[in-house]
N, C-alpha and C. Protein backbone atom coordinates (compact mmCIF):
# COMPACT_ATOMS: atom_id res chain seq x y z
N UNK A 1 109.85 93.21 92.35
CA UNK A 1 109.25 94.82 92.98
C UNK A 1 110.23 96.03 93.08
N UNK A 2 109.63 97.42 92.93
CA UNK A 2 109.69 98.32 93.05
C UNK A 2 110.50 99.18 94.31
N UNK A 3 111.03 99.93 94.62
CA UNK A 3 111.29 100.22 95.73
C UNK A 3 111.43 101.83 94.96
N UNK A 4 111.20 102.93 95.79
CA UNK A 4 111.11 103.89 95.58
C UNK A 4 111.87 104.45 96.46
N UNK A 5 113.24 104.20 97.29
CA UNK A 5 114.12 104.86 97.73
C UNK A 5 115.02 104.75 96.16
N UNK A 6 116.00 106.00 96.07
CA UNK A 6 116.45 105.48 94.50
C UNK A 6 118.33 106.97 95.01
N UNK A 7 119.02 106.85 95.12
CA UNK A 7 119.68 107.72 95.54
C UNK A 7 119.79 108.91 94.62
N UNK A 8 118.95 109.33 92.69
CA UNK A 8 118.59 109.71 92.32
C UNK A 8 117.16 110.54 93.14
N UNK A 9 116.30 110.22 93.40
CA UNK A 9 115.83 111.25 94.52
C UNK A 9 116.21 111.46 95.74
N UNK A 10 116.75 111.43 95.59
CA UNK A 10 117.82 111.99 97.52
C UNK A 10 119.28 112.89 96.50
N UNK A 11 119.03 112.78 95.46
CA UNK A 11 120.26 114.26 95.30
C UNK A 11 118.68 115.32 94.57
N UNK A 12 117.56 114.41 94.01
CA UNK A 12 116.59 115.57 93.39
C UNK A 12 116.42 116.60 94.79
N UNK A 13 116.05 115.80 95.41
CA UNK A 13 115.29 116.38 97.02
C UNK A 13 116.77 117.35 97.36
N UNK A 14 118.14 117.29 97.22
CA UNK A 14 119.00 118.28 97.60
C UNK A 14 119.20 119.15 96.76
N UNK A 15 119.03 119.30 95.28
CA UNK A 15 118.83 120.72 94.81
C UNK A 15 117.35 121.18 94.89
N UNK A 16 116.45 121.02 95.58
CA UNK A 16 115.20 120.93 95.27
C UNK A 16 115.10 121.97 96.86
N UNK A 17 116.31 121.73 97.55
CA UNK A 17 116.20 121.94 98.91
C UNK A 17 117.23 123.17 98.63
N UNK A 18 118.54 123.20 98.35
CA UNK A 18 119.17 124.61 97.51
C UNK A 18 118.21 125.12 97.26
N UNK A 19 117.61 125.14 95.80
CA UNK A 19 117.04 125.66 95.57
C UNK A 19 115.42 126.84 96.47
N UNK A 20 115.13 125.97 97.06
CA UNK A 20 113.96 126.63 97.67
C UNK A 20 115.17 128.43 99.25
N UNK A 21 116.21 127.87 99.23
CA UNK A 21 117.13 128.45 100.79
C UNK A 21 117.31 128.94 99.45
N UNK A 22 118.13 129.19 98.45
CA UNK A 22 118.03 130.21 96.67
C UNK A 22 117.33 131.34 96.81
N UNK A 23 115.52 131.25 96.38
CA UNK A 23 114.68 131.90 96.56
C UNK A 23 114.43 132.25 98.40
N UNK A 24 113.94 131.74 98.81
CA UNK A 24 114.39 132.09 100.35
C UNK A 24 114.58 133.79 100.28
N UNK A 25 116.15 132.92 100.05
CA UNK A 25 117.76 134.19 100.41
C UNK A 25 117.24 135.45 99.10
N UNK A 26 116.84 135.53 98.44
CA UNK A 26 116.20 136.29 97.60
C UNK A 26 115.21 137.46 97.56
N UNK A 27 114.37 136.52 98.48
CA UNK A 27 113.21 137.57 99.04
C UNK A 27 113.69 138.26 100.39
N UNK A 28 115.48 138.39 100.80
CA UNK A 28 115.11 139.25 101.81
C UNK A 28 115.20 140.35 101.79
N UNK A 29 114.63 141.54 101.65
CA UNK A 29 114.26 142.62 101.25
C UNK A 29 115.92 143.38 101.40
N UNK A 30 116.29 144.55 101.00
CA UNK A 30 117.14 145.12 100.91
C UNK A 30 116.90 146.18 102.80
N UNK A 31 118.05 146.19 103.36
CA UNK A 31 118.31 147.48 104.14
C UNK A 31 117.76 148.75 103.49
N UNK A 32 116.70 149.67 103.71
CA UNK A 32 116.25 151.32 103.47
C UNK A 32 116.04 151.73 104.40
N UNK A 33 116.81 152.82 104.44
CA UNK A 33 116.47 153.86 105.65
C UNK A 33 114.90 154.01 105.98
N UNK A 34 114.14 154.20 107.05
CA UNK A 34 113.20 154.70 107.41
C UNK A 34 112.70 155.70 107.11
N UNK A 35 113.87 156.69 107.26
CA UNK A 35 113.36 158.38 107.27
C UNK A 35 114.34 158.43 106.18
N UNK A 36 114.54 159.49 105.43
CA UNK A 36 115.50 159.34 103.63
C UNK A 36 115.72 160.81 103.91
N UNK A 37 114.71 161.58 104.42
CA UNK A 37 114.85 163.23 104.66
C UNK A 37 115.87 163.91 105.12
N UNK A 38 116.61 164.37 105.02
CA UNK A 38 118.05 165.18 105.16
C UNK A 38 117.01 165.95 106.83
N UNK A 39 116.38 166.62 106.28
CA UNK A 39 116.02 167.17 107.72
C UNK A 39 115.24 166.44 109.00
N UNK A 40 114.95 164.89 108.68
CA UNK A 40 114.32 164.42 109.40
C UNK A 40 115.80 163.60 110.29
N UNK A 41 116.39 163.67 108.96
CA UNK A 41 117.29 162.99 110.27
C UNK A 41 118.12 163.94 111.56
N UNK A 42 118.69 165.14 110.49
CA UNK A 42 118.77 165.77 111.34
C UNK A 42 118.73 166.82 113.06
N UNK A 43 117.68 166.38 112.96
CA UNK A 43 116.21 166.58 113.93
C UNK A 43 116.14 165.50 115.18
N UNK A 44 116.50 164.38 114.40
CA UNK A 44 116.19 163.03 115.54
C UNK A 44 116.64 162.67 116.44
N UNK A 45 116.59 162.36 117.26
CA UNK A 45 117.57 162.38 118.75
C UNK A 45 116.92 161.12 119.26
N UNK A 46 118.36 160.33 119.53
CA UNK A 46 118.13 158.93 119.66
C UNK A 46 117.37 158.41 121.06
N UNK A 47 116.27 157.19 121.23
CA UNK A 47 115.88 157.18 122.13
C UNK A 47 116.55 156.18 122.72
N UNK A 48 116.55 157.09 124.55
CA UNK A 48 117.64 156.42 125.45
C UNK A 48 116.56 156.04 126.56
N UNK A 49 116.16 155.21 126.88
CA UNK A 49 114.65 154.81 127.89
C UNK A 49 115.18 155.17 129.59
N UNK A 50 114.76 155.21 129.85
CA UNK A 50 115.28 156.19 131.62
C UNK A 50 115.76 154.54 133.13
N UNK A 51 115.86 154.14 133.30
CA UNK A 51 116.14 153.04 134.10
C UNK A 51 115.59 153.62 135.10
N UNK A 52 114.16 152.09 135.47
CA UNK A 52 113.25 151.89 136.62
C UNK A 52 113.20 150.82 137.02
N UNK A 53 114.09 150.45 136.66
CA UNK A 53 114.86 148.80 137.19
C UNK A 53 115.46 149.22 138.33
N UNK A 54 116.28 150.73 139.02
CA UNK A 54 117.64 150.88 139.91
C UNK A 54 118.39 151.08 139.01
N UNK A 55 119.04 150.56 140.17
CA UNK A 55 121.08 149.86 139.08
C UNK A 55 120.67 148.69 138.43
N UNK A 56 119.83 148.35 137.32
CA UNK A 56 119.96 147.21 136.10
C UNK A 56 119.60 148.20 135.26
N UNK A 57 120.48 147.31 134.48
CA UNK A 57 120.24 148.03 133.26
C UNK A 57 118.78 147.71 132.84
N UNK A 58 118.07 148.37 131.49
CA UNK A 58 117.07 148.66 131.04
C UNK A 58 117.54 147.43 129.86
N UNK A 59 115.93 146.20 129.76
CA UNK A 59 116.11 145.56 128.89
C UNK A 59 116.01 145.84 127.68
N UNK A 60 116.30 145.66 126.37
CA UNK A 60 116.47 146.27 125.27
C UNK A 60 115.33 145.42 124.22
N UNK A 61 114.40 145.73 123.62
CA UNK A 61 113.63 145.08 123.19
C UNK A 61 114.17 144.29 122.37
N UNK A 62 113.90 142.97 122.19
CA UNK A 62 113.87 142.09 120.67
C UNK A 62 113.17 142.13 119.54
N UNK A 63 114.07 142.21 118.18
CA UNK A 63 113.47 142.18 117.24
C UNK A 63 112.92 141.20 117.18
N UNK A 64 111.85 140.42 116.31
CA UNK A 64 110.75 139.90 116.31
C UNK A 64 111.20 139.40 114.71
N UNK A 65 112.00 139.45 114.00
CA UNK A 65 112.20 139.42 113.16
C UNK A 65 112.79 137.82 112.77
N UNK A 66 112.63 136.75 112.56
CA UNK A 66 112.41 136.07 112.28
C UNK A 66 112.16 134.80 113.43
N UNK A 67 110.91 135.30 114.19
CA UNK A 67 110.93 134.42 115.18
C UNK A 67 109.62 133.47 115.17
N UNK A 68 108.94 133.71 113.64
CA UNK A 68 107.85 132.99 113.90
C UNK A 68 108.17 131.99 112.01
N UNK A 69 108.91 132.39 112.08
CA UNK A 69 109.91 130.87 110.24
C UNK A 69 110.17 129.99 111.31
N UNK A 70 110.04 129.15 110.21
CA UNK A 70 110.63 128.30 111.22
C UNK A 70 112.38 127.62 110.51
N UNK A 71 112.71 127.18 110.68
CA UNK A 71 114.45 127.40 110.31
C UNK A 71 114.49 126.17 109.45
N UNK A 72 115.30 126.53 108.52
CA UNK A 72 115.74 125.61 107.44
C UNK A 72 117.10 124.75 108.14
N UNK A 73 116.05 123.37 107.50
CA UNK A 73 117.74 122.46 107.85
C UNK A 73 118.17 122.04 106.64
N UNK A 74 119.30 121.92 107.67
CA UNK A 74 120.50 121.72 106.39
C UNK A 74 120.36 120.60 105.32
N UNK A 75 120.92 120.85 103.96
CA UNK A 75 120.92 120.33 102.84
C UNK A 75 121.76 119.14 102.73
N UNK A 76 122.38 118.28 104.14
CA UNK A 76 122.77 117.36 104.30
C UNK A 76 122.01 116.76 104.64
N UNK A 77 120.68 117.12 105.37
CA UNK A 77 118.95 116.48 106.01
C UNK A 77 118.29 115.73 105.15
N UNK A 78 118.44 116.13 103.47
CA UNK A 78 117.28 116.25 102.12
C UNK A 78 117.34 115.21 102.09
N UNK A 79 118.97 114.15 101.71
CA UNK A 79 118.79 112.70 101.69
C UNK A 79 118.13 111.48 102.88
N UNK A 80 118.28 112.71 104.05
CA UNK A 80 117.51 111.24 104.84
C UNK A 80 116.11 111.83 104.81
N UNK A 81 115.84 112.84 105.00
CA UNK A 81 114.34 113.13 104.47
C UNK A 81 113.93 111.97 103.37
N UNK A 82 114.39 112.14 102.28
CA UNK A 82 114.11 111.52 100.76
C UNK A 82 113.71 109.92 100.92
N UNK A 83 114.56 109.33 102.14
CA UNK A 83 115.10 108.02 102.36
C UNK A 83 113.99 108.02 103.15
N UNK A 84 113.41 108.63 104.22
CA UNK A 84 112.85 108.44 105.79
C UNK A 84 110.97 108.58 104.18
N UNK A 85 111.50 109.67 104.12
CA UNK A 85 110.00 110.16 102.99
C UNK A 85 109.40 108.12 102.18
N UNK A 86 110.69 107.69 101.65
CA UNK A 86 110.56 106.61 101.35
C UNK A 86 111.01 105.20 101.73
N UNK A 87 110.24 105.42 102.60
CA UNK A 87 110.44 104.05 103.39
C UNK A 87 109.62 103.82 104.26
N UNK A 88 108.94 105.16 104.33
CA UNK A 88 107.12 105.51 104.97
C UNK A 88 106.45 104.67 103.00
N UNK A 89 106.93 105.16 101.89
CA UNK A 89 105.69 105.21 101.39
C UNK A 89 105.74 103.84 100.25
N UNK A 90 106.91 102.81 100.59
CA UNK A 90 107.14 102.13 99.55
C UNK A 90 106.03 100.62 100.00
N UNK A 91 105.82 100.85 101.45
CA UNK A 91 104.97 99.34 101.66
C UNK A 91 104.07 99.50 100.45
N UNK A 92 103.25 100.76 101.67
CA UNK A 92 101.50 100.31 100.11
C UNK A 92 101.86 101.12 98.78
N UNK A 93 102.78 101.76 98.61
CA UNK A 93 103.06 101.50 97.09
C UNK A 93 103.08 100.08 97.20
N UNK A 94 103.71 99.18 97.41
CA UNK A 94 103.60 97.82 96.84
C UNK A 94 102.39 96.89 97.25
N UNK A 95 101.80 97.37 98.26
CA UNK A 95 100.87 96.73 98.40
C UNK A 95 99.47 97.25 97.37
N UNK A 96 99.29 98.41 96.73
CA UNK A 96 98.68 98.58 95.74
C UNK A 96 99.18 98.63 94.31
N UNK A 97 100.47 97.50 94.27
CA UNK A 97 101.01 97.30 93.08
C UNK A 97 99.65 95.55 93.44
N UNK A 98 100.32 94.61 94.23
CA UNK A 98 99.78 94.14 94.80
C UNK A 98 98.55 93.97 94.36
N UNK A 99 97.65 94.77 94.96
CA UNK A 99 96.27 95.08 94.58
C UNK A 99 95.71 95.60 93.42
N UNK A 100 96.27 95.50 92.91
CA UNK A 100 96.10 95.95 90.72
C UNK A 100 96.28 94.45 90.25
N UNK A 101 97.78 93.78 90.50
CA UNK A 101 97.04 92.84 90.66
C UNK A 101 96.20 91.82 90.69
N UNK A 102 95.90 91.15 92.06
CA UNK A 102 94.74 91.03 92.15
C UNK A 102 93.54 91.56 91.96
N UNK A 103 93.73 92.02 91.62
CA UNK A 103 92.11 93.45 90.79
C UNK A 103 92.26 92.71 89.63
N UNK A 104 93.12 92.44 88.97
CA UNK A 104 93.89 91.93 87.68
C UNK A 104 92.88 90.65 87.33
N UNK A 105 93.32 89.47 88.10
CA UNK A 105 93.20 88.35 88.10
C UNK A 105 92.20 87.71 88.42
N UNK A 106 91.20 88.91 89.39
CA UNK A 106 89.77 88.49 89.64
C UNK A 106 88.96 88.88 88.59
N UNK A 107 89.24 90.31 87.82
CA UNK A 107 88.66 90.96 86.43
C UNK A 107 88.86 89.38 85.54
N UNK A 108 90.13 88.39 85.46
CA UNK A 108 90.05 87.20 83.88
C UNK A 108 89.85 86.44 84.51
N UNK A 109 89.02 86.02 86.50
CA UNK A 109 89.04 84.84 86.00
C UNK A 109 86.73 85.15 87.11
N UNK A 110 86.53 86.26 86.99
CA UNK A 110 84.94 87.05 86.76
C UNK A 110 85.08 86.28 87.67
N UNK A 111 85.11 86.91 89.18
CA UNK A 111 85.12 86.18 90.84
C UNK A 111 85.59 87.77 90.98
N UNK A 112 83.80 88.18 91.06
CA UNK A 112 83.05 89.15 91.90
C UNK A 112 84.05 89.55 93.17
N UNK A 113 83.46 88.91 94.10
CA UNK A 113 83.78 88.70 95.21
C UNK A 113 84.88 89.44 95.98
N UNK A 114 85.75 88.39 94.20
CA UNK A 114 87.51 89.11 94.41
C UNK A 114 88.25 90.16 93.71
N UNK A 115 86.90 90.77 92.80
CA UNK A 115 87.07 91.86 92.31
C UNK A 115 87.50 93.43 93.67
N UNK A 116 85.85 92.58 94.81
CA UNK A 116 85.65 94.19 95.71
C UNK A 116 86.75 93.36 96.86
N UNK A 117 87.50 92.39 96.68
CA UNK A 117 87.80 92.39 97.95
C UNK A 117 89.86 92.96 97.22
N UNK A 118 89.89 92.95 95.91
CA UNK A 118 91.20 93.85 95.82
C UNK A 118 90.35 95.41 95.92
N UNK A 119 89.17 95.11 95.55
CA UNK A 119 89.52 97.18 95.24
C UNK A 119 89.43 97.23 97.30
N UNK A 120 88.83 96.96 97.96
CA UNK A 120 89.24 97.18 99.42
C UNK A 120 90.69 97.30 99.61
N UNK A 121 91.53 96.67 99.08
CA UNK A 121 93.24 96.50 99.02
C UNK A 121 93.80 97.73 98.77
N UNK A 122 93.15 97.99 97.61
CA UNK A 122 93.42 98.95 96.80
C UNK A 122 93.00 100.50 97.73
N UNK A 123 92.24 100.13 98.43
CA UNK A 123 91.74 101.57 98.75
C UNK A 123 92.40 101.78 100.24
N UNK A 124 92.58 100.88 101.36
CA UNK A 124 93.57 100.71 102.01
C UNK A 124 94.57 101.56 102.08
N UNK A 125 95.20 100.37 101.01
CA UNK A 125 96.51 100.39 100.27
C UNK A 125 96.77 102.31 100.05
N UNK A 126 95.67 103.09 99.27
CA UNK A 126 96.50 104.04 98.73
C UNK A 126 96.08 105.36 99.68
N UNK A 127 95.11 104.92 100.97
CA UNK A 127 94.77 106.08 102.03
C UNK A 127 96.12 106.22 102.70
N UNK A 128 96.72 105.01 103.20
CA UNK A 128 97.91 104.76 103.83
C UNK A 128 98.82 105.57 103.13
N UNK A 129 98.69 105.98 101.92
CA UNK A 129 100.19 105.85 101.09
C UNK A 129 100.19 107.52 100.42
N UNK A 130 98.57 108.23 101.08
CA UNK A 130 98.20 109.95 100.96
C UNK A 130 97.97 109.86 101.90
N UNK A 131 98.65 109.71 102.99
CA UNK A 131 99.05 109.97 104.62
C UNK A 131 100.66 110.43 104.18
N UNK A 132 101.17 109.46 103.47
CA UNK A 132 102.68 109.80 103.49
C UNK A 132 103.29 111.84 102.19
N UNK A 133 101.94 111.77 101.52
CA UNK A 133 102.29 112.64 100.94
C UNK A 133 102.34 114.22 101.26
N UNK A 134 103.38 114.95 100.89
CA UNK A 134 104.19 115.08 99.48
C UNK A 134 105.09 115.21 99.48
N UNK A 135 105.76 113.95 98.35
CA UNK A 135 107.19 113.21 98.26
C UNK A 135 108.24 114.46 97.78
N UNK A 136 109.54 114.08 98.37
CA UNK A 136 110.38 115.39 98.04
C UNK A 136 110.47 115.67 96.36
N UNK A 137 109.68 115.13 96.36
CA UNK A 137 109.87 115.93 94.05
C UNK A 137 108.85 115.46 93.90
N UNK A 138 108.00 117.45 93.48
CA UNK A 138 106.17 117.84 92.88
C UNK A 138 106.18 116.47 92.11
N UNK A 139 106.44 115.78 90.94
CA UNK A 139 106.02 115.43 89.74
C UNK A 139 105.20 113.54 90.59
N UNK A 140 106.09 113.25 91.22
CA UNK A 140 106.25 112.17 91.67
C UNK A 140 104.95 112.42 92.74
N UNK A 141 104.84 113.54 93.06
CA UNK A 141 103.80 113.45 94.25
C UNK A 141 102.57 113.47 93.48
N UNK A 142 102.70 114.57 92.12
CA UNK A 142 101.33 114.85 91.16
C UNK A 142 101.52 113.25 91.07
N UNK A 143 102.44 112.45 90.24
CA UNK A 143 101.41 111.23 89.60
C UNK A 143 101.05 110.33 91.24
N UNK A 144 101.80 110.26 92.37
CA UNK A 144 100.94 109.41 93.23
C UNK A 144 99.55 110.06 93.50
N UNK A 145 99.36 110.99 93.55
CA UNK A 145 98.02 111.82 94.03
C UNK A 145 97.20 111.89 92.77
N UNK A 146 97.83 111.58 91.73
CA UNK A 146 96.70 111.14 90.01
C UNK A 146 96.74 109.16 90.32
N UNK A 147 96.63 108.48 91.02
CA UNK A 147 96.83 107.46 91.26
C UNK A 147 95.90 106.78 92.00
N UNK A 148 96.40 107.73 93.26
CA UNK A 148 95.74 107.76 94.22
C UNK A 148 93.58 107.85 94.54
N UNK A 149 93.58 109.39 93.40
CA UNK A 149 92.57 109.80 92.77
C UNK A 149 91.61 108.77 92.13
N UNK A 150 92.41 108.13 91.28
CA UNK A 150 91.85 106.93 90.02
C UNK A 150 91.77 106.35 91.46
N UNK A 151 92.17 105.32 92.77
CA UNK A 151 91.49 103.87 93.51
C UNK A 151 90.41 104.67 93.88
N UNK A 152 90.70 106.11 94.30
CA UNK A 152 88.81 106.81 95.05
C UNK A 152 88.31 106.78 94.65
N UNK A 153 87.59 106.99 92.88
CA UNK A 153 86.97 107.02 91.75
C UNK A 153 86.70 105.50 91.15
N UNK A 154 87.10 104.29 91.44
CA UNK A 154 87.11 103.28 91.13
C UNK A 154 86.31 102.59 91.97
N UNK A 155 86.49 103.00 93.81
CA UNK A 155 85.76 102.24 94.98
C UNK A 155 84.46 102.41 94.66
N UNK A 156 84.07 103.39 94.68
CA UNK A 156 82.03 103.48 95.03
C UNK A 156 81.69 102.76 93.33
N UNK A 157 82.27 102.55 92.10
CA UNK A 157 81.68 101.49 91.67
C UNK A 157 82.03 100.08 91.56
N UNK A 158 83.05 99.83 92.87
CA UNK A 158 83.46 98.66 93.04
C UNK A 158 82.87 98.18 93.60
N UNK A 159 82.87 98.87 94.35
CA UNK A 159 81.94 98.05 96.20
C UNK A 159 80.81 98.30 96.04
N UNK A 160 80.14 98.67 95.01
CA UNK A 160 78.71 98.60 94.62
C UNK A 160 77.73 97.23 95.18
N UNK A 161 76.75 97.44 94.60
CA UNK A 161 75.63 95.78 94.95
C UNK A 161 76.01 95.27 94.05
N UNK A 162 75.73 96.55 92.45
CA UNK A 162 76.01 95.65 91.10
C UNK A 162 77.04 96.88 90.59
N UNK A 163 78.74 95.91 90.80
CA UNK A 163 79.58 96.88 90.66
C UNK A 163 79.44 97.15 89.48
N UNK A 164 79.72 98.17 87.97
CA UNK A 164 80.44 98.72 86.95
C UNK A 164 81.95 98.01 86.91
N UNK A 165 81.80 97.51 86.43
CA UNK A 165 83.00 96.42 85.96
C UNK A 165 83.49 97.17 84.76
N UNK A 166 83.53 98.03 83.84
CA UNK A 166 83.92 99.02 82.59
C UNK A 166 84.94 100.14 83.64
N UNK A 167 83.48 100.73 84.50
CA UNK A 167 84.75 101.46 85.39
C UNK A 167 85.18 101.07 85.93
N UNK A 168 85.59 99.90 86.81
CA UNK A 168 86.29 99.38 88.02
C UNK A 168 87.55 99.20 86.74
N UNK A 169 87.96 99.01 85.38
CA UNK A 169 88.52 98.54 84.77
C UNK A 169 89.44 99.69 84.38
N UNK A 170 88.43 100.15 83.65
CA UNK A 170 89.30 102.21 83.18
C UNK A 170 90.01 102.70 83.98
N UNK A 171 89.53 102.86 85.76
CA UNK A 171 89.99 103.64 86.78
C UNK A 171 91.06 102.91 87.62
N UNK A 172 90.87 101.55 86.99
CA UNK A 172 92.19 100.86 87.65
C UNK A 172 93.56 101.15 86.75
N UNK A 173 93.15 100.49 85.38
CA UNK A 173 94.21 101.16 84.28
C UNK A 173 94.80 102.76 84.25
N UNK A 174 94.01 103.40 84.47
CA UNK A 174 94.56 104.82 85.10
C UNK A 174 95.37 104.79 85.83
N UNK A 175 95.11 104.11 86.94
CA UNK A 175 95.59 104.49 88.60
C UNK A 175 96.95 103.56 88.01
N UNK A 176 97.39 102.58 87.10
CA UNK A 176 98.14 101.64 87.24
C UNK A 176 99.11 102.94 86.45
N UNK A 177 99.01 103.37 84.98
CA UNK A 177 99.39 103.95 84.24
C UNK A 177 100.17 105.17 85.04
N UNK A 178 99.27 106.35 86.04
CA UNK A 178 99.63 106.73 87.11
C UNK A 178 100.85 106.40 88.21
N UNK A 179 100.58 104.96 88.71
CA UNK A 179 102.34 104.47 89.26
C UNK A 179 102.76 104.39 88.08
N UNK A 180 102.94 103.81 87.67
CA UNK A 180 104.16 103.42 87.11
C UNK A 180 105.25 104.40 86.78
N UNK A 181 104.35 106.38 86.10
CA UNK A 181 104.46 107.29 85.69
C UNK A 181 105.43 108.26 86.73
N UNK A 182 105.24 106.62 88.12
CA UNK A 182 105.40 107.50 90.00
C UNK A 182 107.16 106.54 89.28
N UNK A 183 107.25 105.45 89.37
CA UNK A 183 108.15 104.63 89.55
C UNK A 183 109.12 105.39 88.92
N UNK A 184 108.55 105.82 87.31
CA UNK A 184 109.68 106.67 86.58
C UNK A 184 110.85 108.10 87.40
N UNK A 185 108.96 108.43 87.87
CA UNK A 185 109.75 109.86 88.25
C UNK A 185 110.77 109.70 89.50
N UNK A 186 110.18 108.34 90.29
CA UNK A 186 110.95 108.33 91.60
C UNK A 186 112.43 107.96 91.37
N UNK A 187 113.02 107.64 90.02
CA UNK A 187 114.28 107.15 89.73
C UNK A 187 115.06 107.95 88.55
N UNK A 188 113.91 109.37 88.92
CA UNK A 188 114.17 110.37 87.88
C UNK A 188 114.21 110.80 86.25
N UNK A 189 113.19 109.78 86.17
CA UNK A 189 112.86 109.65 84.59
C UNK A 189 111.30 110.75 84.73
């Protein structure tokens, strides 16, 4: 059985987070004066509010900068996030692998009801896996999404009254290839 959790995928998640933090820091604009004319700065006077609240000091306006942004999670949480994702994604991934095996066996035995049962199993597992996306790695997410798309495309021809076996085999083969590529991507390949 394949386990999506690996140290390499957690390491990649850490490097992705560090890279995103560096990009975010590069996007912060440099501080520039609002008024750069010598004449304007010479005549400007500071704003001093008049107290209207009695002897208490006047509250100062607060800056709205950064109040709408989501705080960056520390890089130390990236492995935990990758492991959390893997723990949620591993079971539906394994169920999809089992479903593809069941589909292959039913096709080899010319068992139409077995083919349709395997398609239902695959459809259910792919929906569960889709709910876990995105993964910590973009190429892993892309491969898993492609496998899910192939299984979704296979469901129609598979579950119809007269299944299109050629379409089922074609989509199942493509889904299996994407799942193999996802396994490779999860292990850093």
